[in-house]
Structure formats: C-alpha cells, structure tokens
Amino acid sequence: MIKSQVKKIMLAKNVTMAHLANDAGIAVETIRRARGDEIRLCRLETLEAIAKALRVKIKDLYKE
C-alpha cells in the first residue's frame, strides 16, 4: 500500500490546495485525491507536477 505524504508536505510548507493546483497546473480535485491517505492510481506526470510545485522529489510524496 502506498501512503500519501502530500498533505503532510503541504501543511509543513503552508500551501493551500488552490495554490498548489495553480502552481502545478492541475485541478483542485486532483490535489484533494492526492492528499488522501492512500494513492491508488496517479499518473507519473501528475506526481511530477505536484513535486515540482512543492519543490520536493517525487519519492517524497509517498511512502510504502
């Protein structure tokens, strides 16, 4: 099971869903799903956009 760390990173960096969605160029609903406890299905391009907007590595967005 892959656990999402997106919410934790966003809180640490004081980033809102709207701000992250704008910076990443993706929908707020996508951010909402990425902030959930588990990542079930996500395109690599989406993870890359979120990581770039948060200025972290893709591997920082989740843990196994």
PDB file of N, CA and C in Angstrom:
ATOM      1  N   MET A   1       0.841  -1.175   0.000  1.00  0.00           N
ATOM      2  CA  MET A   1       0.000   0.000   0.000  1.00  0.00           C
ATOM      3  C   MET A   1       0.889   1.242   0.000  1.00  0.00           C
ATOM      4  N   ILE A   2       0.539   2.206  -0.795  1.00  0.00           N
ATOM      5  CA  ILE A   2       1.323   3.436  -0.891  1.00  0.00           C
ATOM      6  C   ILE A   2       0.595   4.534  -0.120  1.00  0.00           C
ATOM      7  N   LYS A   3       1.251   5.105   0.854  1.00  0.00           N
ATOM      8  CA  LYS A   3       0.685   6.162   1.687  1.00  0.00           C
ATOM      9  C   LYS A   3       1.103   7.528   1.161  1.00  0.00           C
ATOM     10  N   SER A   4       0.144   8.406   1.024  1.00  0.00           N
ATOM     11  CA  SER A   4       0.411   9.755   0.525  1.00  0.00           C
ATOM     12  C   SER A   4       1.027  10.624   1.615  1.00  0.00           C
ATOM     13  N   GLN A   5       2.002  11.414   1.239  1.00  0.00           N
ATOM     14  CA  GLN A   5       2.640  12.378   2.136  1.00  0.00           C
ATOM     15  C   GLN A   5       2.338  13.812   1.698  1.00  0.00           C
ATOM     16  N   VAL A   6       1.479  13.951   0.685  1.00  0.00           N
ATOM     17  CA  VAL A   6       1.190  15.266   0.103  1.00  0.00           C
ATOM     18  C   VAL A   6       0.608  16.216   1.144  1.00  0.00           C
ATOM     19  N   LYS A   7      -0.371  15.772   1.910  1.00  0.00           N
ATOM     20  CA  LYS A   7      -0.994  16.635   2.920  1.00  0.00           C
ATOM     21  C   LYS A   7       0.042  17.094   3.938  1.00  0.00           C
ATOM     22  N   LYS A   8       0.869  16.175   4.397  1.00  0.00           N
ATOM     23  CA  LYS A   8       1.907  16.489   5.383  1.00  0.00           C
ATOM     24  C   LYS A   8       2.869  17.547   4.839  1.00  0.00           C
ATOM     25  N   ILE A   9       3.295  17.391   3.600  1.00  0.00           N
ATOM     26  CA  ILE A   9       4.217  18.346   2.974  1.00  0.00           C
ATOM     27  C   ILE A   9       3.543  19.700   2.801  1.00  0.00           C
ATOM     28  N   MET A  10       2.287  19.673   2.357  1.00  0.00           N
ATOM     29  CA  MET A  10       1.556  20.930   2.173  1.00  0.00           C
ATOM     30  C   MET A  10       1.420  21.683   3.490  1.00  0.00           C
ATOM     31  N   LEU A  11       1.106  20.974   4.555  1.00  0.00           N
ATOM     32  CA  LEU A  11       0.981  21.624   5.871  1.00  0.00           C
ATOM     33  C   LEU A  11       2.314  22.202   6.327  1.00  0.00           C
ATOM     34  N   ALA A  12       3.392  21.457   6.131  1.00  0.00           N
ATOM     35  CA  ALA A  12       4.719  21.920   6.537  1.00  0.00           C
ATOM     36  C   ALA A  12       5.146  23.167   5.767  1.00  0.00           C
ATOM     37  N   LYS A  13       4.721  23.246   4.512  1.00  0.00           N
ATOM     38  CA  LYS A  13       5.100  24.376   3.660  1.00  0.00           C
ATOM     39  C   LYS A  13       4.020  25.450   3.610  1.00  0.00           C
ATOM     40  N   ASN A  14       2.922  25.245   4.362  1.00  0.00           N
ATOM     41  CA  ASN A  14       1.816  26.195   4.426  1.00  0.00           C
ATOM     42  C   ASN A  14       1.261  26.517   3.033  1.00  0.00           C
ATOM     43  N   VAL A  15       0.988  25.464   2.255  1.00  0.00           N
ATOM     44  CA  VAL A  15       0.484  25.599   0.892  1.00  0.00           C
ATOM     45  C   VAL A  15      -0.971  25.145   0.853  1.00  0.00           C
ATOM     46  N   THR A  16      -1.844  25.954   0.265  1.00  0.00           N
ATOM     47  CA  THR A  16      -3.250  25.597   0.128  1.00  0.00           C
ATOM     48  C   THR A  16      -3.465  24.724  -1.107  1.00  0.00           C
ATOM     49  N   MET A  17      -4.612  24.047  -1.138  1.00  0.00           N
ATOM     50  CA  MET A  17      -4.932  23.224  -2.302  1.00  0.00           C
ATOM     51  C   MET A  17      -5.058  24.090  -3.555  1.00  0.00           C
ATOM     52  N   ALA A  18      -5.683  25.243  -3.433  1.00  0.00           N
ATOM     53  CA  ALA A  18      -5.863  26.132  -4.583  1.00  0.00           C
ATOM     54  C   ALA A  18      -4.517  26.618  -5.113  1.00  0.00           C
ATOM     55  N   HIS A  19      -3.634  26.984  -4.220  1.00  0.00           N
ATOM     56  CA  HIS A  19      -2.308  27.470  -4.616  1.00  0.00           C
ATOM     57  C   HIS A  19      -1.508  26.358  -5.296  1.00  0.00           C
ATOM     58  N   LEU A  20      -1.531  25.164  -4.719  1.00  0.00           N
ATOM     59  CA  LEU A  20      -0.802  24.043  -5.296  1.00  0.00           C
ATOM     60  C   LEU A  20      -1.376  23.665  -6.658  1.00  0.00           C
ATOM     61  N   ALA A  21      -2.697  23.630  -6.759  1.00  0.00           N
ATOM     62  CA  ALA A  21      -3.330  23.305  -8.036  1.00  0.00           C
ATOM     63  C   ALA A  21      -2.917  24.311  -9.102  1.00  0.00           C
ATOM     64  N   ASN A  22      -2.901  25.580  -8.749  1.00  0.00           N
ATOM     65  CA  ASN A  22      -2.494  26.620  -9.692  1.00  0.00           C
ATOM     66  C   ASN A  22      -1.033  26.459 -10.099  1.00  0.00           C
ATOM     67  N   ASP A  23      -0.159  26.272  -9.134  1.00  0.00           N
ATOM     68  CA  ASP A  23       1.278  26.130  -9.418  1.00  0.00           C
ATOM     69  C   ASP A  23       1.585  24.866 -10.219  1.00  0.00           C
ATOM     70  N   ALA A  24       0.856  23.796  -9.943  1.00  0.00           N
ATOM     71  CA  ALA A  24       1.098  22.519 -10.620  1.00  0.00           C
ATOM     72  C   ALA A  24       0.362  22.424 -11.953  1.00  0.00           C
ATOM     73  N   GLY A  25      -0.616  23.307 -12.148  1.00  0.00           N
ATOM     74  CA  GLY A  25      -1.386  23.277 -13.383  1.00  0.00           C
ATOM     75  C   GLY A  25      -2.342  22.102 -13.466  1.00  0.00           C
ATOM     76  N   ILE A  26      -2.859  21.699 -12.313  1.00  0.00           N
ATOM     77  CA  ILE A  26      -3.808  20.586 -12.269  1.00  0.00           C
ATOM     78  C   ILE A  26      -5.033  21.000 -11.455  1.00  0.00           C
ATOM     79  N   ALA A  27      -6.085  20.210 -11.536  1.00  0.00           N
ATOM     80  CA  ALA A  27      -7.347  20.541 -10.871  1.00  0.00           C
ATOM     81  C   ALA A  27      -7.249  20.397  -9.350  1.00  0.00           C
ATOM     82  N   VAL A  28      -8.008  21.214  -8.652  1.00  0.00           N
ATOM     83  CA  VAL A  28      -8.067  21.139  -7.185  1.00  0.00           C
ATOM     84  C   VAL A  28      -8.531  19.749  -6.753  1.00  0.00           C
ATOM     85  N   GLU A  29      -9.457  19.149  -7.497  1.00  0.00           N
ATOM     86  CA  GLU A  29      -9.947  17.809  -7.164  1.00  0.00           C
ATOM     87  C   GLU A  29      -8.809  16.786  -7.213  1.00  0.00           C
ATOM     88  N   THR A  30      -7.888  16.951  -8.134  1.00  0.00           N
ATOM     89  CA  THR A  30      -6.726  16.060  -8.220  1.00  0.00           C
ATOM     90  C   THR A  30      -5.861  16.212  -6.977  1.00  0.00           C
ATOM     91  N   ILE A  31      -5.680  17.433  -6.521  1.00  0.00           N
ATOM     92  CA  ILE A  31      -4.918  17.682  -5.293  1.00  0.00           C
ATOM     93  C   ILE A  31      -5.644  17.048  -4.114  1.00  0.00           C
ATOM     94  N   ARG A  32      -6.955  17.197  -4.068  1.00  0.00           N
ATOM     95  CA  ARG A  32      -7.754  16.618  -2.976  1.00  0.00           C
ATOM     96  C   ARG A  32      -7.553  15.101  -2.912  1.00  0.00           C
ATOM     97  N   ARG A  33      -7.586  14.450  -4.075  1.00  0.00           N
ATOM     98  CA  ARG A  33      -7.371  12.993  -4.102  1.00  0.00           C
ATOM     99  C   ARG A  33      -5.937  12.645  -3.697  1.00  0.00           C
ATOM    100  N   ALA A  34      -4.963  13.439  -4.123  1.00  0.00           N
ATOM    101  CA  ALA A  34      -3.559  13.172  -3.802  1.00  0.00           C
ATOM    102  C   ALA A  34      -3.284  13.349  -2.307  1.00  0.00           C
ATOM    103  N   ARG A  35      -4.076  14.184  -1.650  1.00  0.00           N
ATOM    104  CA  ARG A  35      -3.910  14.415  -0.204  1.00  0.00           C
ATOM    105  C   ARG A  35      -4.511  13.304   0.638  1.00  0.00           C
ATOM    106  N   GLY A  36      -5.270  12.416   0.031  1.00  0.00           N
ATOM    107  CA  GLY A  36      -5.892  11.318   0.772  1.00  0.00           C
ATOM    108  C   GLY A  36      -4.846  10.423   1.403  1.00  0.00           C
ATOM    109  N   ASP A  37      -5.304   9.511   2.238  1.00  0.00           N
ATOM    110  CA  ASP A  37      -4.387   8.623   2.947  1.00  0.00           C
ATOM    111  C   ASP A  37      -3.599   7.701   2.023  1.00  0.00           C
ATOM    112  N   GLU A  38      -4.256   7.248   0.940  1.00  0.00           N
ATOM    113  CA  GLU A  38      -3.614   6.301   0.035  1.00  0.00           C
ATOM    114  C   GLU A  38      -3.599   6.843  -1.388  1.00  0.00           C
ATOM    115  N   ILE A  39      -2.556   6.507  -2.112  1.00  0.00           N
ATOM    116  CA  ILE A  39      -2.503   6.812  -3.531  1.00  0.00           C
ATOM    117  C   ILE A  39      -2.846   5.520  -4.252  1.00  0.00           C
ATOM    118  N   ARG A  40      -3.983   5.497  -4.930  1.00  0.00           N
ATOM    119  CA  ARG A  40      -4.421   4.286  -5.619  1.00  0.00           C
ATOM    120  C   ARG A  40      -3.975   4.284  -7.072  1.00  0.00           C
ATOM    121  N   LEU A  41      -4.173   5.391  -7.743  1.00  0.00           N
ATOM    122  CA  LEU A  41      -3.815   5.484  -9.149  1.00  0.00           C
ATOM    123  C   LEU A  41      -3.469   6.933  -9.448  1.00  0.00           C
ATOM    124  N   CYS A  42      -2.287   7.155  -9.960  1.00  0.00           N
ATOM    125  CA  CYS A  42      -1.852   8.504 -10.262  1.00  0.00           C
ATOM    126  C   CYS A  42      -0.830   8.449 -11.386  1.00  0.00           C
ATOM    127  N   ARG A  43      -1.003   9.307 -12.366  1.00  0.00           N
ATOM    128  CA  ARG A  43      -0.046   9.361 -13.470  1.00  0.00           C
ATOM    129  C   ARG A  43       1.268   9.965 -12.979  1.00  0.00           C
ATOM    130  N   LEU A  44       2.345   9.479 -13.536  1.00  0.00           N
ATOM    131  CA  LEU A  44       3.661   9.991 -13.177  1.00  0.00           C
ATOM    132  C   LEU A  44       3.747  11.488 -13.447  1.00  0.00           C
ATOM    133  N   GLU A  45       3.128  11.945 -14.517  1.00  0.00           N
ATOM    134  CA  GLU A  45       3.143  13.374 -14.856  1.00  0.00           C
ATOM    135  C   GLU A  45       2.471  14.203 -13.762  1.00  0.00           C
ATOM    136  N   THR A  46       1.428  13.650 -13.162  1.00  0.00           N
ATOM    137  CA  THR A  46       0.734  14.356 -12.083  1.00  0.00           C
ATOM    138  C   THR A  46       1.615  14.431 -10.847  1.00  0.00           C
ATOM    139  N   LEU A  47       2.242  13.317 -10.486  1.00  0.00           N
ATOM    140  CA  LEU A  47       3.159  13.324  -9.341  1.00  0.00           C
ATOM    141  C   LEU A  47       4.313  14.288  -9.584  1.00  0.00           C
ATOM    142  N   GLU A  48       4.816  14.306 -10.800  1.00  0.00           N
ATOM    143  CA  GLU A  48       5.918  15.198 -11.142  1.00  0.00           C
ATOM    144  C   GLU A  48       5.492  16.662 -11.000  1.00  0.00           C
ATOM    145  N   ALA A  49       4.301  17.003 -11.460  1.00  0.00           N
ATOM    146  CA  ALA A  49       3.808  18.374 -11.364  1.00  0.00           C
ATOM    147  C   ALA A  49       3.630  18.796  -9.910  1.00  0.00           C
ATOM    148  N   ILE A  50       3.079  17.898  -9.092  1.00  0.00           N
ATOM    149  CA  ILE A  50       2.896  18.203  -7.663  1.00  0.00           C
ATOM    150  C   ILE A  50       4.256  18.377  -6.983  1.00  0.00           C
ATOM    151  N   ALA A  51       5.171  17.463  -7.244  1.00  0.00           N
ATOM    152  CA  ALA A  51       6.504  17.533  -6.627  1.00  0.00           C
ATOM    153  C   ALA A  51       7.224  18.816  -7.025  1.00  0.00           C
ATOM    154  N   LYS A  52       7.155  19.166  -8.286  1.00  0.00           N
ATOM    155  CA  LYS A  52       7.823  20.379  -8.761  1.00  0.00           C
ATOM    156  C   LYS A  52       7.232  21.618  -8.086  1.00  0.00           C
ATOM    157  N   ALA A  53       5.911  21.679  -7.988  1.00  0.00           N
ATOM    158  CA  ALA A  53       5.250  22.824  -7.361  1.00  0.00           C
ATOM    159  C   ALA A  53       5.585  22.921  -5.873  1.00  0.00           C
ATOM    160  N   LEU A  54       5.767  21.766  -5.216  1.00  0.00           N
ATOM    161  CA  LEU A  54       6.109  21.761  -3.786  1.00  0.00           C
ATOM    162  C   LEU A  54       7.617  21.824  -3.542  1.00  0.00           C
ATOM    163  N   ARG A  55       8.383  21.748  -4.632  1.00  0.00           N
ATOM    164  CA  ARG A  55       9.853  21.780  -4.570  1.00  0.00           C
ATOM    165  C   ARG A  55      10.411  20.624  -3.732  1.00  0.00           C
ATOM    166  N   VAL A  56       9.877  19.426  -4.043  1.00  0.00           N
ATOM    167  CA  VAL A  56      10.365  18.196  -3.411  1.00  0.00           C
ATOM    168  C   VAL A  56      10.581  17.164  -4.507  1.00  0.00           C
ATOM    169  N   LYS A  57      11.194  16.050  -4.157  1.00  0.00           N
ATOM    170  CA  LYS A  57      11.357  14.945  -5.101  1.00  0.00           C
ATOM    171  C   LYS A  57      10.075  14.136  -5.146  1.00  0.00           C
ATOM    172  N   ILE A  58       9.823  13.486  -6.267  1.00  0.00           N
ATOM    173  CA  ILE A  58       8.618  12.668  -6.404  1.00  0.00           C
ATOM    174  C   ILE A  58       8.544  11.639  -5.286  1.00  0.00           C
ATOM    175  N   LYS A  59       9.662  11.013  -4.955  1.00  0.00           N
ATOM    176  CA  LYS A  59       9.660   9.969  -3.912  1.00  0.00           C
ATOM    177  C   LYS A  59       9.265  10.509  -2.534  1.00  0.00           C
ATOM    178  N   ASP A  60       9.344  11.832  -2.341  1.00  0.00           N
ATOM    179  CA  ASP A  60       8.937  12.430  -1.066  1.00  0.00           C
ATOM    180  C   ASP A  60       7.422  12.498  -0.908  1.00  0.00           C
ATOM    181  N   LEU A  61       6.686  12.332  -2.004  1.00  0.00           N
ATOM    182  CA  LEU A  61       5.233  12.448  -1.969  1.00  0.00           C
ATOM    183  C   LEU A  61       4.528  11.223  -1.405  1.00  0.00           C
ATOM    184  N   TYR A  62       5.241  10.135  -1.251  1.00  0.00           N
ATOM    185  CA  TYR A  62       4.606   8.913  -0.780  1.00  0.00           C
ATOM    186  C   TYR A  62       5.600   8.051  -0.015  1.00  0.00           C
ATOM    187  N   LYS A  63       5.066   7.085   0.721  1.00  0.00           N
ATOM    188  CA  LYS A  63       5.890   6.069   1.361  1.00  0.00           C
ATOM    189  C   LYS A  63       5.148   4.754   1.281  1.00  0.00           C
ATOM    190  N   GLU A  64       5.904   3.678   1.261  1.00  0.00           N
ATOM    191  CA  GLU A  64       5.291   2.352   1.167  1.00  0.00           C
ATOM    192  C   GLU A  64       5.036   1.770   2.534  1.00  0.00           C
TER     193      GLU A  64
END
